Every structure is written in C-alpha cells, then in structure tokens.
Amino acid sequence: MNEHDFNSHGRPHKRELQIRFDDEIQYLLTGEEQLLQSLTARAPLTQVLDRICRALDLKIGNVVSHIALPEDDEGELAAMAMNAALFGLYEFCSEALVAENDEVLGRLEIYCCVSRIPSADETLWIERAMCLAAIAIQLDELANHHTPHDMRRNQPLQRRAREGPVSMN
C-alpha cells in the first residue's frame, strides 16, 4: 500500500479494503480446494490433518491447533498441554471429533497466546475444520480397514467429502 490508498483520516479506501478482502477469500478458497483434493486423492491422514490445522491457525491467527487421534498416547497430549502452558499459551478450544454415529474419532486442541474464548465467526471456522477432520478420519478408516464392498455401502460419506458444504472461509 502507498499513501494514495488511504483517505484523509489515514484509513484505507473502501476499494482497497475490498481488494484485500477479495484476495483473502481467493487464497482461502484455493487452500480449501487443495485440502478437499487431498481428501479425495487419499493423501496420508497426518498430512491432511496438519493442513486443516494450518488453515485454521492462519484463519484465526495467534493460535496453534492440533488434532489428536484416539490411538495417540494420552501422556503425549498431557505433555503438549503442559508445554503450551510453559510457553504462555492458553487453552482456546478443546473439542471431541465425533462421527454421526457418536463414535469419537479424535480431538481438536487449540491454544492461544491470550486467554479468551472463540468469537462467533471463529466458532464457525472451528466447526468447519472439525467436520473436515472427521471426514478425513472416516475416509482413512474406510480406505485402510474395509473391503471395496464396504466402501460402496459408505458412498454418502464419500459424496459428502467431495461436495462438502464446509468451507474454511
């Protein structure tokens, strides 16, 4: 930005704000599209979950998120929480990832540099990230633990992953 991009009060012109907003939306849509492609291309689950966390961290700002799976060591999770506290981070969000049949698929942990709760918009982004993570975990379970016949029975889940009403923007 240069001095012509600001009005007499030192604020950006509406046109400049709209351009920046449009650029941010395009960036987020591109990132989500890549994430959804990773899901359908069967990228490694840890890679997909890391990308979901990075997108969430960037969208909210000043947070660090982690998705733990049920088989993750409870001691490691407790150590992570203790390390976060040692580095001055506060628990921002701790939510179970739950399938439609109430099976616990994992846990989303988010730490923030200030003690606060998520805003309404941030809560929506967290819910969207949780939905994407749940879909990724379920697709990974289907791909690694079931026969092709079992996968055909779960076509609605696969269709939901492709069409997904969720968005990180």
N, C-alpha and C. Protein backbone atom coordinates (compact mmCIF):
# COMPACT_ATOMS: atom_id res chain seq x y z
N MET A 1 0.83 -1.17 0.00
CA MET A 1 0.00 0.00 0.00
C MET A 1 0.88 1.24 0.00
N ASN A 2 0.40 2.25 -0.69
CA ASN A 2 1.11 3.52 -0.64
C ASN A 2 0.16 4.60 -0.11
N GLU A 3 0.63 5.82 -0.05
CA GLU A 3 -0.16 6.90 0.56
C GLU A 3 -1.46 7.19 -0.18
N HIS A 4 -1.56 6.85 -1.48
CA HIS A 4 -2.78 7.09 -2.25
C HIS A 4 -3.89 6.10 -1.90
N ASP A 5 -3.53 5.02 -1.21
CA ASP A 5 -4.51 4.01 -0.84
C ASP A 5 -5.26 4.38 0.44
N PHE A 6 -4.92 5.50 1.06
CA PHE A 6 -5.53 5.90 2.32
C PHE A 6 -6.33 7.19 2.15
N ASN A 7 -7.40 7.33 2.95
CA ASN A 7 -8.19 8.56 2.90
C ASN A 7 -7.56 9.61 3.83
N SER A 8 -8.23 10.75 3.98
CA SER A 8 -7.66 11.84 4.77
C SER A 8 -7.58 11.50 6.26
N HIS A 9 -8.28 10.46 6.70
CA HIS A 9 -8.24 10.04 8.10
C HIS A 9 -7.20 8.94 8.34
N GLY A 10 -6.44 8.60 7.31
CA GLY A 10 -5.42 7.58 7.46
C GLY A 10 -5.94 6.15 7.37
N ARG A 11 -7.19 6.01 6.95
CA ARG A 11 -7.78 4.68 6.81
C ARG A 11 -7.75 4.27 5.34
N PRO A 12 -7.65 2.96 5.08
CA PRO A 12 -7.67 2.51 3.68
C PRO A 12 -9.00 2.86 3.01
N HIS A 13 -8.95 3.20 1.72
CA HIS A 13 -10.17 3.42 0.95
C HIS A 13 -10.96 2.13 0.88
N LYS A 14 -12.29 2.26 0.73
CA LYS A 14 -13.14 1.08 0.63
C LYS A 14 -12.68 0.17 -0.51
N ARG A 15 -12.28 0.77 -1.62
CA ARG A 15 -11.83 -0.01 -2.77
C ARG A 15 -10.64 -0.89 -2.39
N GLU A 16 -9.70 -0.33 -1.65
CA GLU A 16 -8.52 -1.08 -1.24
C GLU A 16 -8.89 -2.19 -0.27
N LEU A 17 -9.81 -1.90 0.65
CA LEU A 17 -10.26 -2.94 1.58
C LEU A 17 -10.94 -4.08 0.84
N GLN A 18 -11.75 -3.76 -0.18
CA GLN A 18 -12.43 -4.79 -0.95
C GLN A 18 -11.43 -5.65 -1.71
N ILE A 19 -10.41 -5.03 -2.27
CA ILE A 19 -9.38 -5.79 -3.00
C ILE A 19 -8.67 -6.73 -2.04
N ARG A 20 -8.30 -6.25 -0.86
CA ARG A 20 -7.62 -7.10 0.11
C ARG A 20 -8.53 -8.23 0.57
N PHE A 21 -9.82 -7.93 0.80
CA PHE A 21 -10.79 -8.94 1.21
C PHE A 21 -10.94 -9.99 0.11
N ASP A 22 -11.07 -9.55 -1.15
CA ASP A 22 -11.19 -10.49 -2.26
C ASP A 22 -9.96 -11.38 -2.38
N ASP A 23 -8.77 -10.82 -2.18
CA ASP A 23 -7.54 -11.61 -2.23
C ASP A 23 -7.52 -12.67 -1.13
N GLU A 24 -7.99 -12.29 0.07
CA GLU A 24 -8.01 -13.24 1.19
C GLU A 24 -9.00 -14.37 0.90
N ILE A 25 -10.17 -14.03 0.38
CA ILE A 25 -11.17 -15.04 0.05
C ILE A 25 -10.63 -16.00 -1.00
N GLN A 26 -9.99 -15.48 -2.03
CA GLN A 26 -9.43 -16.33 -3.08
C GLN A 26 -8.37 -17.26 -2.52
N TYR A 27 -7.52 -16.74 -1.64
CA TYR A 27 -6.48 -17.55 -1.01
C TYR A 27 -7.10 -18.70 -0.21
N LEU A 28 -8.14 -18.38 0.57
CA LEU A 28 -8.78 -19.39 1.39
C LEU A 28 -9.50 -20.43 0.54
N LEU A 29 -10.17 -19.99 -0.52
CA LEU A 29 -10.85 -20.94 -1.40
C LEU A 29 -9.86 -21.87 -2.07
N THR A 30 -8.74 -21.35 -2.51
CA THR A 30 -7.70 -22.17 -3.13
C THR A 30 -7.18 -23.19 -2.13
N GLY A 31 -6.94 -22.76 -0.90
CA GLY A 31 -6.45 -23.67 0.14
C GLY A 31 -7.45 -24.76 0.45
N GLU A 32 -8.72 -24.39 0.54
CA GLU A 32 -9.73 -25.41 0.84
C GLU A 32 -9.88 -26.39 -0.32
N GLU A 33 -9.82 -25.87 -1.54
CA GLU A 33 -9.92 -26.75 -2.70
C GLU A 33 -8.78 -27.77 -2.69
N GLN A 34 -7.57 -27.31 -2.39
CA GLN A 34 -6.42 -28.23 -2.31
C GLN A 34 -6.61 -29.26 -1.20
N LEU A 35 -7.17 -28.82 -0.09
CA LEU A 35 -7.42 -29.72 1.03
C LEU A 35 -8.44 -30.79 0.63
N LEU A 36 -9.52 -30.39 -0.01
CA LEU A 36 -10.53 -31.36 -0.45
C LEU A 36 -9.97 -32.32 -1.49
N GLN A 37 -9.09 -31.82 -2.36
CA GLN A 37 -8.43 -32.69 -3.32
C GLN A 37 -7.55 -33.71 -2.62
N SER A 38 -6.88 -33.28 -1.55
CA SER A 38 -6.06 -34.21 -0.76
C SER A 38 -6.91 -35.32 -0.16
N LEU A 39 -8.11 -34.95 0.31
CA LEU A 39 -9.00 -35.95 0.88
C LEU A 39 -9.40 -36.99 -0.15
N THR A 40 -9.81 -36.52 -1.32
CA THR A 40 -10.27 -37.47 -2.34
C THR A 40 -9.12 -38.21 -2.99
N ALA A 41 -7.92 -37.65 -2.96
CA ALA A 41 -6.75 -38.34 -3.53
C ALA A 41 -6.11 -39.28 -2.52
N ARG A 42 -6.69 -39.36 -1.35
CA ARG A 42 -6.21 -40.25 -0.29
C ARG A 42 -4.78 -39.93 0.14
N ALA A 43 -4.52 -38.66 0.37
CA ALA A 43 -3.24 -38.25 0.94
C ALA A 43 -3.13 -38.84 2.34
N PRO A 44 -1.92 -38.99 2.87
CA PRO A 44 -1.78 -39.53 4.23
C PRO A 44 -2.60 -38.71 5.22
N LEU A 45 -3.25 -39.40 6.13
CA LEU A 45 -4.14 -38.74 7.09
C LEU A 45 -3.41 -37.66 7.88
N THR A 46 -2.21 -37.94 8.34
CA THR A 46 -1.49 -36.94 9.14
C THR A 46 -1.26 -35.67 8.33
N GLN A 47 -0.98 -35.81 7.04
CA GLN A 47 -0.78 -34.65 6.18
C GLN A 47 -2.06 -33.83 6.04
N VAL A 48 -3.18 -34.50 5.86
CA VAL A 48 -4.47 -33.81 5.71
C VAL A 48 -4.82 -33.10 7.02
N LEU A 49 -4.65 -33.77 8.15
CA LEU A 49 -4.98 -33.16 9.44
C LEU A 49 -4.07 -31.96 9.72
N ASP A 50 -2.80 -32.07 9.36
CA ASP A 50 -1.88 -30.94 9.53
C ASP A 50 -2.31 -29.75 8.68
N ARG A 51 -2.78 -30.01 7.47
CA ARG A 51 -3.23 -28.92 6.60
C ARG A 51 -4.49 -28.26 7.15
N ILE A 52 -5.38 -29.05 7.73
CA ILE A 52 -6.57 -28.49 8.35
C ILE A 52 -6.16 -27.57 9.51
N CYS A 53 -5.23 -28.05 10.33
CA CYS A 53 -4.76 -27.24 11.47
C CYS A 53 -4.08 -25.96 10.99
N ARG A 54 -3.24 -26.05 9.98
CA ARG A 54 -2.57 -24.85 9.47
C ARG A 54 -3.58 -23.83 8.94
N ALA A 55 -4.58 -24.32 8.21
CA ALA A 55 -5.60 -23.41 7.68
C ALA A 55 -6.35 -22.73 8.83
N LEU A 56 -6.68 -23.50 9.85
CA LEU A 56 -7.39 -22.94 11.00
C LEU A 56 -6.50 -21.94 11.74
N ASP A 57 -5.24 -22.28 11.92
CA ASP A 57 -4.30 -21.38 12.60
C ASP A 57 -4.18 -20.05 11.85
N LEU A 58 -4.09 -20.12 10.53
CA LEU A 58 -3.98 -18.90 9.73
C LEU A 58 -5.26 -18.09 9.76
N LYS A 59 -6.39 -18.76 9.71
CA LYS A 59 -7.67 -18.06 9.68
C LYS A 59 -7.95 -17.34 11.00
N ILE A 60 -7.71 -18.02 12.11
CA ILE A 60 -7.99 -17.41 13.41
C ILE A 60 -6.86 -16.46 13.80
N GLY A 61 -5.63 -16.86 13.62
CA GLY A 61 -4.48 -16.04 13.98
C GLY A 61 -4.11 -16.17 15.44
N ASN A 62 -2.82 -16.17 15.71
CA ASN A 62 -2.29 -16.24 17.08
C ASN A 62 -2.75 -17.49 17.83
N VAL A 63 -2.96 -18.58 17.11
CA VAL A 63 -3.32 -19.85 17.74
C VAL A 63 -2.46 -20.96 17.17
N VAL A 64 -2.41 -22.05 17.91
CA VAL A 64 -1.75 -23.28 17.47
C VAL A 64 -2.74 -24.40 17.70
N SER A 65 -3.04 -25.16 16.66
CA SER A 65 -4.01 -26.24 16.80
C SER A 65 -3.37 -27.59 16.52
N HIS A 66 -4.00 -28.61 17.06
CA HIS A 66 -3.52 -29.99 16.90
C HIS A 66 -4.73 -30.91 16.93
N ILE A 67 -4.73 -31.90 16.03
CA ILE A 67 -5.78 -32.91 16.04
C ILE A 67 -5.15 -34.22 16.51
N ALA A 68 -5.65 -34.71 17.62
CA ALA A 68 -5.18 -35.97 18.19
C ALA A 68 -6.16 -37.08 17.83
N LEU A 69 -5.62 -38.24 17.50
CA LEU A 69 -6.44 -39.40 17.19
C LEU A 69 -6.61 -40.24 18.45
N PRO A 70 -7.63 -41.09 18.51
CA PRO A 70 -7.86 -41.89 19.72
C PRO A 70 -6.67 -42.75 20.12
N GLU A 71 -5.90 -43.20 19.13
CA GLU A 71 -4.76 -44.06 19.46
C GLU A 71 -3.52 -43.28 19.92
N ASP A 72 -3.58 -41.95 19.88
CA ASP A 72 -2.47 -41.14 20.36
C ASP A 72 -2.31 -41.33 21.86
N ASP A 73 -1.07 -41.30 22.31
CA ASP A 73 -0.74 -41.51 23.71
C ASP A 73 -1.26 -40.36 24.57
N GLU A 74 -2.05 -40.68 25.59
CA GLU A 74 -2.60 -39.67 26.49
C GLU A 74 -1.49 -38.88 27.18
N GLY A 75 -0.37 -39.55 27.47
CA GLY A 75 0.75 -38.88 28.11
C GLY A 75 1.34 -37.78 27.23
N GLU A 76 1.40 -38.05 25.92
CA GLU A 76 1.90 -37.05 24.98
C GLU A 76 0.97 -35.83 24.92
N LEU A 77 -0.33 -36.09 24.96
CA LEU A 77 -1.29 -34.99 24.94
C LEU A 77 -1.19 -34.14 26.20
N ALA A 78 -1.01 -34.80 27.33
CA ALA A 78 -0.85 -34.05 28.59
C ALA A 78 0.44 -33.24 28.56
N ALA A 79 1.51 -33.83 28.01
CA ALA A 79 2.79 -33.12 27.90
C ALA A 79 2.65 -31.92 26.97
N MET A 80 1.89 -32.09 25.89
CA MET A 80 1.68 -30.98 24.95
C MET A 80 0.95 -29.83 25.66
N ALA A 81 -0.06 -30.15 26.45
CA ALA A 81 -0.80 -29.12 27.18
C ALA A 81 0.11 -28.43 28.19
N MET A 82 0.96 -29.19 28.84
CA MET A 82 1.88 -28.61 29.82
C MET A 82 2.91 -27.71 29.12
N ASN A 83 3.42 -28.15 27.98
CA ASN A 83 4.37 -27.33 27.22
C ASN A 83 3.72 -26.04 26.74
N ALA A 84 2.48 -26.14 26.30
CA ALA A 84 1.75 -24.94 25.86
C ALA A 84 1.68 -23.94 27.01
N ALA A 85 1.35 -24.43 28.19
CA ALA A 85 1.26 -23.54 29.35
C ALA A 85 2.63 -22.93 29.68
N LEU A 86 3.69 -23.73 29.56
CA LEU A 86 5.04 -23.23 29.83
C LEU A 86 5.43 -22.11 28.86
N PHE A 87 4.93 -22.18 27.66
CA PHE A 87 5.23 -21.16 26.65
C PHE A 87 4.22 -20.01 26.69
N GLY A 88 3.39 -19.98 27.71
CA GLY A 88 2.45 -18.87 27.88
C GLY A 88 1.21 -18.97 27.02
N LEU A 89 0.88 -20.17 26.55
CA LEU A 89 -0.32 -20.34 25.74
C LEU A 89 -1.48 -20.79 26.62
N TYR A 90 -2.66 -20.40 26.24
CA TYR A 90 -3.87 -20.73 26.97
C TYR A 90 -4.75 -21.64 26.13
N GLU A 91 -5.50 -22.51 26.80
CA GLU A 91 -6.43 -23.35 26.05
C GLU A 91 -7.51 -22.46 25.45
N PHE A 92 -7.66 -22.55 24.16
CA PHE A 92 -8.63 -21.74 23.41
C PHE A 92 -9.87 -22.57 23.10
N CYS A 93 -9.62 -23.84 22.76
CA CYS A 93 -10.71 -24.74 22.39
C CYS A 93 -10.24 -26.17 22.55
N SER A 94 -11.10 -27.01 23.06
CA SER A 94 -10.81 -28.44 23.17
C SER A 94 -12.12 -29.16 22.89
N GLU A 95 -12.19 -29.77 21.72
CA GLU A 95 -13.45 -30.39 21.27
C GLU A 95 -13.20 -31.80 20.75
N ALA A 96 -14.12 -32.70 21.06
CA ALA A 96 -14.07 -34.05 20.52
C ALA A 96 -14.57 -34.03 19.07
N LEU A 97 -13.90 -34.80 18.22
CA LEU A 97 -14.37 -35.00 16.85
C LEU A 97 -15.25 -36.24 16.89
N VAL A 98 -16.51 -36.08 16.57
CA VAL A 98 -17.47 -37.16 16.72
C VAL A 98 -18.14 -37.46 15.38
N ALA A 99 -18.24 -38.76 15.07
CA ALA A 99 -18.92 -39.19 13.85
C ALA A 99 -20.42 -39.08 14.05
N GLU A 100 -21.16 -39.23 12.96
CA GLU A 100 -22.62 -39.16 13.03
C GLU A 100 -23.20 -40.24 13.93
N ASN A 101 -22.48 -41.37 14.09
CA ASN A 101 -22.94 -42.46 14.96
C ASN A 101 -22.42 -42.31 16.39
N ASP A 102 -21.92 -41.12 16.73
CA ASP A 102 -21.40 -40.77 18.06
C ASP A 102 -20.07 -41.43 18.41
N GLU A 103 -19.40 -42.04 17.44
CA GLU A 103 -18.08 -42.60 17.67
C GLU A 103 -17.07 -41.45 17.77
N VAL A 104 -16.22 -41.49 18.79
CA VAL A 104 -15.20 -40.46 18.95
C VAL A 104 -14.06 -40.78 17.99
N LEU A 105 -13.79 -39.82 17.09
CA LEU A 105 -12.77 -40.00 16.05
C LEU A 105 -11.43 -39.36 16.42
N GLY A 106 -11.48 -38.42 17.34
CA GLY A 106 -10.27 -37.71 17.72
C GLY A 106 -10.63 -36.50 18.55
N ARG A 107 -9.65 -35.60 18.66
CA ARG A 107 -9.85 -34.41 19.48
C ARG A 107 -9.10 -33.24 18.86
N LEU A 108 -9.76 -32.09 18.79
CA LEU A 108 -9.14 -30.87 18.31
C LEU A 108 -8.75 -30.04 19.53
N GLU A 109 -7.47 -29.71 19.62
CA GLU A 109 -6.96 -28.88 20.71
C GLU A 109 -6.40 -27.61 20.08
N ILE A 110 -6.81 -26.46 20.60
CA ILE A 110 -6.30 -25.18 20.09
C ILE A 110 -5.82 -24.36 21.29
N TYR A 111 -4.61 -23.82 21.14
CA TYR A 111 -4.03 -22.97 22.17
C TYR A 111 -3.82 -21.57 21.59
N CYS A 112 -3.99 -20.57 22.45
CA CYS A 112 -3.91 -19.17 22.03
C CYS A 112 -2.93 -18.42 22.91
N CYS A 113 -2.38 -17.33 22.39
CA CYS A 113 -1.40 -16.55 23.15
C CYS A 113 -2.05 -15.62 24.17
N VAL A 114 -3.37 -15.48 24.12
CA VAL A 114 -4.10 -14.70 25.13
C VAL A 114 -5.27 -15.55 25.63
N SER A 115 -5.66 -15.32 26.85
CA SER A 115 -6.77 -16.07 27.43
C SER A 115 -8.08 -15.47 26.93
N ARG A 116 -8.78 -16.21 26.08
CA ARG A 116 -10.06 -15.74 25.55
C ARG A 116 -10.83 -16.92 25.00
N ILE A 117 -12.07 -16.68 24.64
CA ILE A 117 -12.88 -17.72 24.02
C ILE A 117 -13.08 -17.37 22.55
N PRO A 118 -13.39 -18.36 21.72
CA PRO A 118 -13.60 -18.08 20.28
C PRO A 118 -14.80 -17.16 20.05
N SER A 119 -14.66 -16.29 19.06
CA SER A 119 -15.78 -15.45 18.64
C SER A 119 -16.77 -16.31 17.87
N ALA A 120 -17.89 -15.74 17.51
CA ALA A 120 -18.91 -16.48 16.75
C ALA A 120 -18.35 -16.95 15.40
N ASP A 121 -17.62 -16.06 14.69
CA ASP A 121 -17.01 -16.46 13.42
C ASP A 121 -15.98 -17.56 13.62
N GLU A 122 -15.16 -17.41 14.64
CA GLU A 122 -14.13 -18.42 14.91
C GLU A 122 -14.75 -19.77 15.26
N THR A 123 -15.87 -19.74 15.96
CA THR A 123 -16.57 -20.98 16.29
C THR A 123 -17.04 -21.68 15.02
N LEU A 124 -17.52 -20.91 14.05
CA LEU A 124 -17.93 -21.50 12.77
C LEU A 124 -16.74 -22.12 12.05
N TRP A 125 -15.58 -21.43 12.05
CA TRP A 125 -14.39 -21.98 11.39
C TRP A 125 -13.93 -23.25 12.09
N ILE A 126 -14.01 -23.26 13.42
CA ILE A 126 -13.62 -24.45 14.18
C ILE A 126 -14.54 -25.61 13.83
N GLU A 127 -15.84 -25.34 13.78
CA GLU A 127 -16.80 -26.40 13.42
C GLU A 127 -16.55 -26.93 12.03
N ARG A 128 -16.23 -26.05 11.09
CA ARG A 128 -15.94 -26.48 9.72
C ARG A 128 -14.67 -27.33 9.69
N ALA A 129 -13.66 -26.91 10.41
CA ALA A 129 -12.41 -27.68 10.47
C ALA A 129 -12.67 -29.05 11.10
N MET A 130 -13.49 -29.09 12.13
CA MET A 130 -13.81 -30.36 12.78
C MET A 130 -14.55 -31.29 11.82
N CYS A 131 -15.44 -30.72 11.03
CA CYS A 131 -16.18 -31.53 10.05
C CYS A 131 -15.23 -32.10 9.00
N LEU A 132 -14.34 -31.26 8.49
CA LEU A 132 -13.35 -31.74 7.52
C LEU A 132 -12.46 -32.82 8.12
N ALA A 133 -12.03 -32.62 9.36
CA ALA A 133 -11.17 -33.60 10.02
C ALA A 133 -11.91 -34.92 10.22
N ALA A 134 -13.17 -34.84 10.63
CA ALA A 134 -13.96 -36.06 10.82
C ALA A 134 -14.11 -36.82 9.50
N ILE A 135 -14.37 -36.10 8.42
CA ILE A 135 -14.49 -36.74 7.11
C ILE A 135 -13.17 -37.40 6.73
N ALA A 136 -12.06 -36.69 6.93
CA ALA A 136 -10.74 -37.24 6.59
C ALA A 136 -10.46 -38.51 7.39
N ILE A 137 -10.76 -38.51 8.67
CA ILE A 137 -10.50 -39.67 9.52
C ILE A 137 -11.37 -40.84 9.08
N GLN A 138 -12.65 -40.58 8.80
CA GLN A 138 -13.54 -41.65 8.38
C GLN A 138 -13.14 -42.21 7.02
N LEU A 139 -12.75 -41.35 6.09
CA LEU A 139 -12.29 -41.85 4.78
C LEU A 139 -11.03 -42.68 4.93
N ASP A 140 -10.13 -42.26 5.81
CA ASP A 140 -8.91 -43.02 6.06
C ASP A 140 -9.24 -44.39 6.65
N GLU A 141 -10.18 -44.43 7.60
CA GLU A 141 -10.60 -45.71 8.18
C GLU A 141 -11.20 -46.61 7.12
N LEU A 142 -12.05 -46.05 6.26
CA LEU A 142 -12.66 -46.84 5.19
C LEU A 142 -11.60 -47.39 4.23
N ALA A 143 -10.66 -46.54 3.87
CA ALA A 143 -9.64 -46.95 2.91
C ALA A 143 -8.70 -48.00 3.48
N ASN A 144 -8.44 -47.95 4.77
CA ASN A 144 -7.45 -48.84 5.37
C ASN A 144 -8.01 -50.06 6.06
N HIS A 145 -9.30 -50.09 6.33
CA HIS A 145 -9.83 -51.18 7.14
C HIS A 145 -11.02 -51.91 6.55
N HIS A 146 -11.44 -51.52 5.35
CA HIS A 146 -12.63 -52.14 4.79
C HIS A 146 -12.38 -52.60 3.36
N THR A 147 -13.19 -53.53 2.92
CA THR A 147 -13.12 -54.04 1.56
C THR A 147 -13.81 -53.06 0.62
N PRO A 148 -13.59 -53.20 -0.71
CA PRO A 148 -14.29 -52.33 -1.67
C PRO A 148 -15.81 -52.40 -1.52
N HIS A 149 -16.36 -53.59 -1.15
CA HIS A 149 -17.80 -53.71 -0.95
C HIS A 149 -18.26 -52.80 0.19
N ASP A 150 -17.49 -52.79 1.30
CA ASP A 150 -17.83 -51.92 2.43
C ASP A 150 -17.78 -50.46 2.01
N MET A 151 -16.84 -50.10 1.16
CA MET A 151 -16.71 -48.71 0.74
C MET A 151 -17.90 -48.28 -0.12
N ARG A 152 -18.43 -49.21 -0.93
CA ARG A 152 -19.61 -48.87 -1.74
C ARG A 152 -20.81 -48.57 -0.83
N ARG A 153 -20.91 -49.28 0.29
CA ARG A 153 -22.02 -49.03 1.23
C ARG A 153 -21.90 -47.65 1.85
N ASN A 154 -20.71 -47.08 1.87
CA ASN A 154 -20.49 -45.78 2.51
C ASN A 154 -20.36 -44.66 1.49
N GLN A 155 -21.00 -44.79 0.36
CA GLN A 155 -20.95 -43.76 -0.67
C GLN A 155 -21.41 -42.40 -0.18
N PRO A 156 -22.43 -42.32 0.71
CA PRO A 156 -22.83 -40.98 1.17
C PRO A 156 -21.69 -40.21 1.83
N LEU A 157 -20.84 -40.89 2.59
CA LEU A 157 -19.70 -40.23 3.22
C LEU A 157 -18.73 -39.73 2.16
N GLN A 158 -18.46 -40.56 1.16
CA GLN A 158 -17.55 -40.14 0.10
C GLN A 158 -18.12 -38.96 -0.67
N ARG A 159 -19.41 -38.98 -0.94
CA ARG A 159 -20.06 -37.88 -1.65
C ARG A 159 -19.99 -36.61 -0.80
N ARG A 160 -20.19 -36.74 0.50
CA ARG A 160 -20.12 -35.59 1.41
C ARG A 160 -18.72 -34.99 1.39
N ALA A 161 -17.69 -35.82 1.27
CA ALA A 161 -16.32 -35.30 1.23
C ALA A 161 -16.08 -34.52 -0.05
N ARG A 162 -16.64 -34.99 -1.18
CA ARG A 162 -16.44 -34.29 -2.45
C ARG A 162 -17.25 -33.02 -2.51
N GLU A 163 -18.51 -33.09 -2.06
CA GLU A 163 -19.41 -31.95 -2.20
C GLU A 163 -19.30 -31.00 -1.03
N GLY A 164 -18.88 -31.53 0.12
CA GLY A 164 -18.75 -30.85 1.38
C GLY A 164 -19.30 -29.43 1.47
N PRO A 165 -20.31 -29.23 2.29
CA PRO A 165 -20.83 -27.88 2.49
C PRO A 165 -19.92 -27.04 3.37
N VAL A 166 -18.84 -27.66 3.85
CA VAL A 166 -17.97 -26.93 4.76
C VAL A 166 -16.96 -26.09 3.98
N SER A 167 -16.53 -25.05 4.60
CA SER A 167 -15.58 -24.14 3.97
C SER A 167 -14.77 -23.49 5.06
N MET A 168 -13.51 -23.26 4.81
CA MET A 168 -12.66 -22.59 5.78
C MET A 168 -12.61 -21.09 5.52
N ASN A 169 -13.58 -20.56 4.80
CA ASN A 169 -13.55 -19.11 4.56
C ASN A 169 -14.67 -18.41 5.22
